[in-house]
C-alpha atoms as a PDB file:
ATOM      1  CA  MET A   1     117.858  58.760  71.212  1.00  0.00           C
ATOM      2  CA  LYS A   2     114.341  57.505  70.564  1.00  0.00           C
ATOM      3  CA  SER A   3     111.413  59.804  70.983  1.00  0.00           C
ATOM      4  CA  LYS A   4     108.873  59.135  73.705  1.00  0.00           C
ATOM      5  CA  THR A   5     105.117  59.065  73.317  1.00  0.00           C
ATOM      6  CA  ASP A   6     102.209  59.934  75.577  1.00  0.00           C
ATOM      7  CA  LYS A   7      98.764  58.455  75.089  1.00  0.00           C
ATOM      8  CA  GLY A   8      96.802  60.406  72.542  1.00  0.00           C
ATOM      9  CA  THR A   9      99.688  62.680  71.493  1.00  0.00           C
ATOM     10  CA  ARG A  10     102.390  62.837  68.901  1.00  0.00           C
ATOM     11  CA  ALA A  11     105.919  61.708  69.738  1.00  0.00           C
ATOM     12  CA  VAL A  12     107.693  63.804  72.354  1.00  0.00           C
ATOM     13  CA  GLU A  13     111.205  64.429  71.076  1.00  0.00           C
ATOM     14  CA  PRO A  14     114.229  65.607  73.081  1.00  0.00           C
ATOM     15  CA  PRO A  15     113.998  69.334  73.880  1.00  0.00           C
ATOM     16  CA  ASP A  16     116.119  71.921  72.079  1.00  0.00           C
ATOM     17  CA  SER A  17     119.573  71.819  73.721  1.00  0.00           C
ATOM     18  CA  ARG A  18     119.513  75.621  74.120  1.00  0.00           C
ATOM     19  CA  PHE A  19     116.737  75.271  76.705  1.00  0.00           C
ATOM     20  CA  ALA A  20     117.610  71.886  78.214  1.00  0.00           C
ATOM     21  CA  GLY A  21     119.148  73.452  81.317  1.00  0.00           C
ATOM     22  CA  SER A  22     116.033  75.382  82.284  1.00  0.00           C
ATOM     23  CA  LEU A  23     113.807  72.378  81.560  1.00  0.00           C
ATOM     24  CA  THR A  24     115.940  70.174  83.823  1.00  0.00           C
ATOM     25  CA  ALA A  25     115.845  72.773  86.607  1.00  0.00           C
ATOM     26  CA  ILE A  26     112.078  73.158  86.304  1.00  0.00           C
ATOM     27  CA  GLY A  27     111.626  69.395  86.308  1.00  0.00           C
ATOM     28  CA  SER A  28     113.671  69.091  89.499  1.00  0.00           C
ATOM     29  CA  GLN A  29     111.681  71.916  91.097  1.00  0.00           C
ATOM     30  CA  LEU A  30     108.403  70.229  90.178  1.00  0.00           C
ATOM     31  CA  ARG A  31     109.524  66.855  91.519  1.00  0.00           C
ATOM     32  CA  GLN A  32     110.650  68.412  94.814  1.00  0.00           C
ATOM     33  CA  ALA A  33     107.362  70.314  95.162  1.00  0.00           C
ATOM     34  CA  ARG A  34     105.428  67.104  94.494  1.00  0.00           C
ATOM     35  CA  LEU A  35     107.457  65.156  97.062  1.00  0.00           C
ATOM     36  CA  ASP A  36     107.093  67.974  99.609  1.00  0.00           C
ATOM     37  CA  ALA A  37     103.328  67.714  99.109  1.00  0.00           C
ATOM     38  CA  GLY A  38     103.514  63.948  99.685  1.00  0.00           C
ATOM     39  CA  LEU A  39     102.023  63.131  96.286  1.00  0.00           C
ATOM     40  CA  SER A  40     102.822  60.374  93.837  1.00  0.00           C
ATOM     41  CA  LEU A  41     102.864  61.086  90.103  1.00  0.00           C
ATOM     42  CA  ARG A  42      99.511  59.337  89.797  1.00  0.00           C
ATOM     43  CA  GLU A  43      97.997  61.478  92.572  1.00  0.00           C
ATOM     44  CA  LEU A  44      99.307  64.712  91.036  1.00  0.00           C
ATOM     45  CA  ALA A  45      97.951  63.592  87.680  1.00  0.00           C
ATOM     46  CA  ALA A  46      94.499  63.066  89.195  1.00  0.00           C
ATOM     47  CA  ARG A  47      94.552  66.488  90.850  1.00  0.00           C
ATOM     48  CA  SER A  48      95.859  68.416  87.855  1.00  0.00           C
ATOM     49  CA  GLY A  49      93.992  66.615  85.078  1.00  0.00           C
ATOM     50  CA  LEU A  50      97.293  65.847  83.324  1.00  0.00           C
ATOM     51  CA  SER A  51      98.596  62.375  82.555  1.00  0.00           C
ATOM     52  CA  SER A  52     101.216  60.816  84.824  1.00  0.00           C
ATOM     53  CA  SER A  53     103.380  59.958  81.799  1.00  0.00           C
ATOM     54  CA  PHE A  54     103.418  63.621  80.713  1.00  0.00           C
ATOM     55  CA  LEU A  55     104.269  64.762  84.261  1.00  0.00           C
ATOM     56  CA  SER A  56     107.093  62.224  84.366  1.00  0.00           C
ATOM     57  CA  LEU A  57     108.564  63.668  81.151  1.00  0.00           C
ATOM     58  CA  VAL A  58     108.372  67.184  82.602  1.00  0.00           C
ATOM     59  CA  GLU A  59     110.077  66.104  85.841  1.00  0.00           C
ATOM     60  CA  ARG A  60     112.924  64.578  83.828  1.00  0.00           C
ATOM     61  CA  GLY A  61     113.322  67.782  81.814  1.00  0.00           C
ATOM     62  CA  GLU A  62     112.322  66.052  78.583  1.00  0.00           C
ATOM     63  CA  CYS A  63     109.222  68.094  77.790  1.00  0.00           C
ATOM     64  CA  SER A  64     108.259  71.756  78.116  1.00  0.00           C
ATOM     65  CA  LEU A  65     105.187  73.016  79.991  1.00  0.00           C
ATOM     66  CA  SER A  66     102.325  74.816  78.307  1.00  0.00           C
ATOM     67  CA  LEU A  67     100.771  77.815  80.019  1.00  0.00           C
ATOM     68  CA  THR A  68      97.630  75.929  81.022  1.00  0.00           C
ATOM     69  CA  SER A  69      99.600  72.915  82.263  1.00  0.00           C
ATOM     70  CA  LEU A  70     101.715  75.234  84.414  1.00  0.00           C
ATOM     71  CA  PHE A  71      98.637  76.681  86.110  1.00  0.00           C
ATOM     72  CA  ALA A  72      96.987  73.273  86.504  1.00  0.00           C
ATOM     73  CA  ILE A  73     100.063  71.797  88.213  1.00  0.00           C
ATOM     74  CA  SER A  74     100.707  74.805  90.442  1.00  0.00           C
ATOM     75  CA  GLU A  75      97.099  74.913  91.640  1.00  0.00           C
ATOM     76  CA  ALA A  76      97.073  71.150  92.241  1.00  0.00           C
ATOM     77  CA  LEU A  77     100.124  71.638  94.484  1.00  0.00           C
ATOM     78  CA  GLY A  78      98.667  74.714  96.170  1.00  0.00           C
ATOM     79  CA  LEU A  79     101.495  76.918  94.907  1.00  0.00           C
ATOM     80  CA  ALA A  80     101.759  80.068  92.824  1.00  0.00           C
ATOM     81  CA  PRO A  81     103.153  79.346  89.329  1.00  0.00           C
ATOM     82  CA  ALA A  82     106.217  81.509  90.022  1.00  0.00           C
ATOM     83  CA  ALA A  83     106.895  79.638  93.278  1.00  0.00           C
ATOM     84  CA  LEU A  84     106.703  76.300  91.466  1.00  0.00           C
ATOM     85  CA  LEU A  85     109.287  77.525  88.977  1.00  0.00           C
ATOM     86  CA  GLY A  86     111.559  78.882  91.687  1.00  0.00           C
ATOM     87  CA  ALA A  87     111.343  82.462  90.436  1.00  0.00           C
ATOM     88  CA  GLU A  88     113.005  85.019  92.685  1.00  0.00           C
ATOM     89  CA  LEU A  89     110.178  87.546  92.659  1.00  0.00           C
ATOM     90  CA  GLY A  90     110.751  88.950  96.127  1.00  0.00           C
ATOM     91  CA  ALA A  91     108.015  90.011  98.526  1.00  0.00           C
ATOM     92  CA  PRO A  92     104.880  91.107  96.657  1.00  0.00           C
ATOM     93  CA  PRO A  93     103.541  94.598  97.357  1.00  0.00           C
ATOM     94  CA  PRO A  94     100.329  94.922  99.389  1.00  0.00           C
ATOM     95  CA  ARG A  95      97.205  94.010  97.444  1.00  0.00           C
ATOM     96  CA  GLN A  96      95.015  96.890  96.334  1.00  0.00           C
ATOM     97  CA  GLU A  97      91.743  97.270  94.437  1.00  0.00           C
ATOM     98  CA  PHE A  98      93.705  97.222  91.191  1.00  0.00           C
ATOM     99  CA  SER A  99      96.968  95.891  89.806  1.00  0.00           C
ATOM    100  CA  VAL A 100      99.526  97.834  87.745  1.00  0.00           C
ATOM    101  CA  TRP A 101     102.352  96.140  85.869  1.00  0.00           C
ATOM    102  CA  ARG A 102     105.299  98.341  84.829  1.00  0.00           C
ATOM    103  CA  GLY A 103     107.401  97.502  81.796  1.00  0.00           C
ATOM    104  CA  ALA A 104     110.496  98.446  83.781  1.00  0.00           C
ATOM    105  CA  ASP A 105     109.771  95.539  86.151  1.00  0.00           C
ATOM    106  CA  GLN A 106     110.025  92.855  83.440  1.00  0.00           C
ATOM    107  CA  ALA A 107     113.415  91.524  84.512  1.00  0.00           C
ATOM    108  CA  GLU A 108     112.421  90.787  88.129  1.00  0.00           C
ATOM    109  CA  HIS A 109     109.158  89.099  87.084  1.00  0.00           C
ATOM    110  CA  ARG A 110     110.715  86.912  84.377  1.00  0.00           C
ATOM    111  CA  VAL A 111     110.131  83.156  84.629  1.00  0.00           C
ATOM    112  CA  VAL A 112     111.789  80.863  82.070  1.00  0.00           C
ATOM    113  CA  VAL A 113     110.116  77.593  81.047  1.00  0.00           C
ATOM    114  CA  GLY A 114     112.109  76.001  78.255  1.00  0.00           C
ATOM    115  CA  GLU A 115     111.757  78.170  75.152  1.00  0.00           C
ATOM    116  CA  ARG A 116     109.171  80.381  76.857  1.00  0.00           C
ATOM    117  CA  GLU A 117     109.745  83.478  78.984  1.00  0.00           C
ATOM    118  CA  TYR A 118     106.738  84.329  81.168  1.00  0.00           C
ATOM    119  CA  PHE A 119     106.101  87.693  82.800  1.00  0.00           C
ATOM    120  CA  PRO A 120     103.156  87.308  85.234  1.00  0.00           C
ATOM    121  CA  LEU A 121     101.130  90.471  85.779  1.00  0.00           C
ATOM    122  CA  ARG A 122     101.074  90.561  89.551  1.00  0.00           C
ATOM    123  CA  PRO A 123     100.254  90.912  92.435  1.00  0.00           C
ATOM    124  CA  GLY A 124      96.579  90.911  91.461  1.00  0.00           C
ATOM    125  CA  PHE A 125      93.738  91.777  93.822  1.00  0.00           C
ATOM    126  CA  GLU A 126      91.202  90.101  96.092  1.00  0.00           C
ATOM    127  CA  GLY A 127      88.609  88.086  94.186  1.00  0.00           C
ATOM    128  CA  GLN A 128      90.615  88.105  90.966  1.00  0.00           C
ATOM    129  CA  GLN A 129      89.031  85.875  88.304  1.00  0.00           C
ATOM    130  CA  LEU A 130      91.570  86.262  85.495  1.00  0.00           C
ATOM    131  CA  GLU A 131      95.231  85.334  85.077  1.00  0.00           C
ATOM    132  CA  SER A 132      97.187  87.731  82.859  1.00  0.00           C
ATOM    133  CA  LEU A 133     100.640  87.086  81.466  1.00  0.00           C
ATOM    134  CA  TYR A 134     102.893  88.605  78.878  1.00  0.00           C
ATOM    135  CA  PHE A 135     105.290  86.118  77.366  1.00  0.00           C
ATOM    136  CA  ARG A 136     107.918  85.547  74.721  1.00  0.00           C
ATOM    137  CA  ILE A 137     108.188  82.251  72.912  1.00  0.00           C
ATOM    138  CA  HIS A 138     111.372  81.338  71.072  1.00  0.00           C
ATOM    139  CA  PRO A 139     111.348  78.886  68.129  1.00  0.00           C
ATOM    140  CA  THR A 140     109.580  75.701  69.256  1.00  0.00           C
ATOM    141  CA  ALA A 141     111.262  72.354  68.621  1.00  0.00           C
ATOM    142  CA  VAL A 142     108.363  70.227  69.881  1.00  0.00           C
ATOM    143  CA  MET A 143     104.778  71.297  70.565  1.00  0.00           C
ATOM    144  CA  ALA A 144     103.436  70.569  74.045  1.00  0.00           C
ATOM    145  CA  PRO A 145     100.466  68.185  74.278  1.00  0.00           C
ATOM    146  CA  PRO A 146      97.062  69.891  73.969  1.00  0.00           C
ATOM    147  CA  ALA A 147      95.481  71.200  77.169  1.00  0.00           C
ATOM    148  CA  VAL A 148      91.811  71.180  78.160  1.00  0.00           C
ATOM    149  CA  HIS A 149      90.176  72.862  81.152  1.00  0.00           C
ATOM    150  CA  GLU A 150      87.279  75.099  82.134  1.00  0.00           C
ATOM    151  CA  GLY A 151      87.094  78.796  81.314  1.00  0.00           C
ATOM    152  CA  GLU A 152      88.048  81.078  78.445  1.00  0.00           C
ATOM    153  CA  GLU A 153      91.250  82.487  76.978  1.00  0.00           C
ATOM    154  CA  VAL A 154      92.194  85.562  74.966  1.00  0.00           C
ATOM    155  CA  ALA A 155      95.547  86.005  73.236  1.00  0.00           C
ATOM    156  CA  TYR A 156      96.861  89.096  71.451  1.00  0.00           C
ATOM    157  CA  VAL A 157     100.061  88.837  69.418  1.00  0.00           C
ATOM    158  CA  THR A 158     102.229  91.931  69.828  1.00  0.00           C
ATOM    159  CA  SER A 159     105.111  90.794  67.613  1.00  0.00           C
ATOM    160  CA  GLY A 160     106.136  87.803  65.516  1.00  0.00           C
ATOM    161  CA  GLU A 161     103.806  84.936  64.606  1.00  0.00           C
ATOM    162  CA  LEU A 162     101.976  82.490  66.867  1.00  0.00           C
ATOM    163  CA  PHE A 163     100.840  79.062  65.692  1.00  0.00           C
ATOM    164  CA  ILE A 164      97.851  77.729  67.603  1.00  0.00           C
ATOM    165  CA  ARG A 165      96.069  74.391  67.206  1.00  0.00           C
ATOM    166  CA  LEU A 166      92.439  74.316  68.373  1.00  0.00           C
ATOM    167  CA  ARG A 167      91.230  70.745  68.146  1.00  0.00           C
ATOM    168  CA  ASN A 168      91.530  70.099  64.363  1.00  0.00           C
ATOM    169  CA  HIS A 169      92.033  73.731  63.347  1.00  0.00           C
ATOM    170  CA  ASP A 170      95.548  75.052  62.698  1.00  0.00           C
ATOM    171  CA  LEU A 171      95.817  78.848  62.802  1.00  0.00           C
ATOM    172  CA  THR A 172      98.657  81.338  62.424  1.00  0.00           C
ATOM    173  CA  LEU A 173      98.298  84.714  64.132  1.00  0.00           C
ATOM    174  CA  ALA A 174     100.477  87.664  63.103  1.00  0.00           C
ATOM    175  CA  ALA A 175     101.275  90.810  65.086  1.00  0.00           C
ATOM    176  CA  GLY A 176      98.029  92.674  65.753  1.00  0.00           C
ATOM    177  CA  ASP A 177      95.907  89.492  65.522  1.00  0.00           C
ATOM    178  CA  ALA A 178      93.950  88.137  68.487  1.00  0.00           C
ATOM    179  CA  ILE A 179      91.938  85.051  69.349  1.00  0.00           C
ATOM    180  CA  HIS A 180      89.251  84.285  71.957  1.00  0.00           C
ATOM    181  CA  PHE A 181      88.248  80.676  72.629  1.00  0.00           C
ATOM    182  CA  PRO A 182      86.726  78.401  75.285  1.00  0.00           C
ATOM    183  CA  SER A 183      89.399  76.497  77.184  1.00  0.00           C
ATOM    184  CA  SER A 184      87.330  73.309  76.838  1.00  0.00           C
ATOM    185  CA  VAL A 185      88.604  73.077  73.236  1.00  0.00           C
ATOM    186  CA  PRO A 186      91.897  71.112  73.111  1.00  0.00           C
ATOM    187  CA  HIS A 187      94.597  73.713  72.449  1.00  0.00           C
ATOM    188  CA  THR A 188      98.345  74.075  72.135  1.00  0.00           C
ATOM    189  CA  ILE A 189     100.674  76.746  70.751  1.00  0.00           C
ATOM    190  CA  ALA A 190     104.086  77.042  69.118  1.00  0.00           C
ATOM    191  CA  ASN A 191     106.450  79.447  67.426  1.00  0.00           C
ATOM    192  CA  ARG A 192     107.248  77.987  64.016  1.00  0.00           C
ATOM    193  CA  THR A 193     109.391  80.915  62.880  1.00  0.00           C
ATOM    194  CA  ALA A 194     113.089  81.614  63.340  1.00  0.00           C
ATOM    195  CA  GLY A 195     112.398  84.725  65.415  1.00  0.00           C
ATOM    196  CA  VAL A 196     110.794  85.499  68.776  1.00  0.00           C
ATOM    197  CA  THR A 197     107.027  85.833  69.231  1.00  0.00           C
ATOM    198  CA  GLU A 198     105.529  88.039  71.948  1.00  0.00           C
ATOM    199  CA  VAL A 199     101.983  87.552  73.221  1.00  0.00           C
ATOM    200  CA  MET A 200      99.644  89.024  75.813  1.00  0.00           C
ATOM    201  CA  TRP A 201      97.555  86.176  77.291  1.00  0.00           C
ATOM    202  CA  VAL A 202      94.506  86.426  79.541  1.00  0.00           C
ATOM    203  CA  MET A 203      92.673  83.390  80.885  1.00  0.00           C
ATOM    204  CA  THR A 204      90.317  82.339  83.630  1.00  0.00           C
ATOM    205  CA  HIS A 205      92.258  80.405  86.236  1.00  0.00           C
ATOM    206  CA  PRO A 206      91.920  76.638  85.632  1.00  0.00           C
ATOM    207  CA  SER A 207      90.871  74.582  88.639  1.00  0.00           C
ATOM    208  CA  PRO A 208      92.102  71.068  89.489  1.00  0.00           C
ATOM    209  CA  ASN A 209      90.007  68.259  88.018  1.00  0.00           C
ATOM    210  CA  ALA A 210      87.953  70.763  86.029  1.00  0.00           C
ATOM    211  CA  HIS A 211      88.312  68.693  82.892  1.00  0.00           C
ATOM    212  CA  PRO A 212      90.502  65.720  81.958  1.00  0.00           C
ATOM    213  CA  ALA A 213      93.362  66.863  79.736  1.00  0.00           C
ATOM    214  CA  LEU A 214      93.591  65.074  76.412  1.00  0.00           C
ATOM    215  CA  LEU A 215      97.110  63.753  76.855  1.00  0.00           C
END
């Protein structure tokens, strides 16, 4: 099977077969959400700042979603990221002036996107400016295209190693390392080890059309 390319990115190879099922399910969910919203691929691309060719690959289950791409698509569709992924999170508790996330609640908040397991810190509070997630990333077969948007991001590695590419800089963060960067810098991440990497990620919520993604 030949690899596919997207303008301005490296070849997009077939996803790891271990995660193909979840990628196909997510792609179907995304396509249905797009059709329910009455949008074409080109229209969703314009709203999210992602390329239509990349979105097409995601809908076919042939490419994984990065964290920033997930938020960009969900906001463009007017949906919560968990709703877009079909996560069974149940009814959220009433919003308060603060938000507490219990480790014992991990299982019910788990959202799988290919080789990544996301655990959104919810429900949040009124006027919230930051999105916080804890996630695990299994060995990465193919890096997602770089993302670009407004805001800032902070990542803290709790275990394993995280590879991050910031424009032309390749960095490896070990457990206990952290990074803070403007989201306007093209960025993408991967797990290049044989183990599982766990990361705490905090970012300002990207808005549709904030910045064209370099895809």
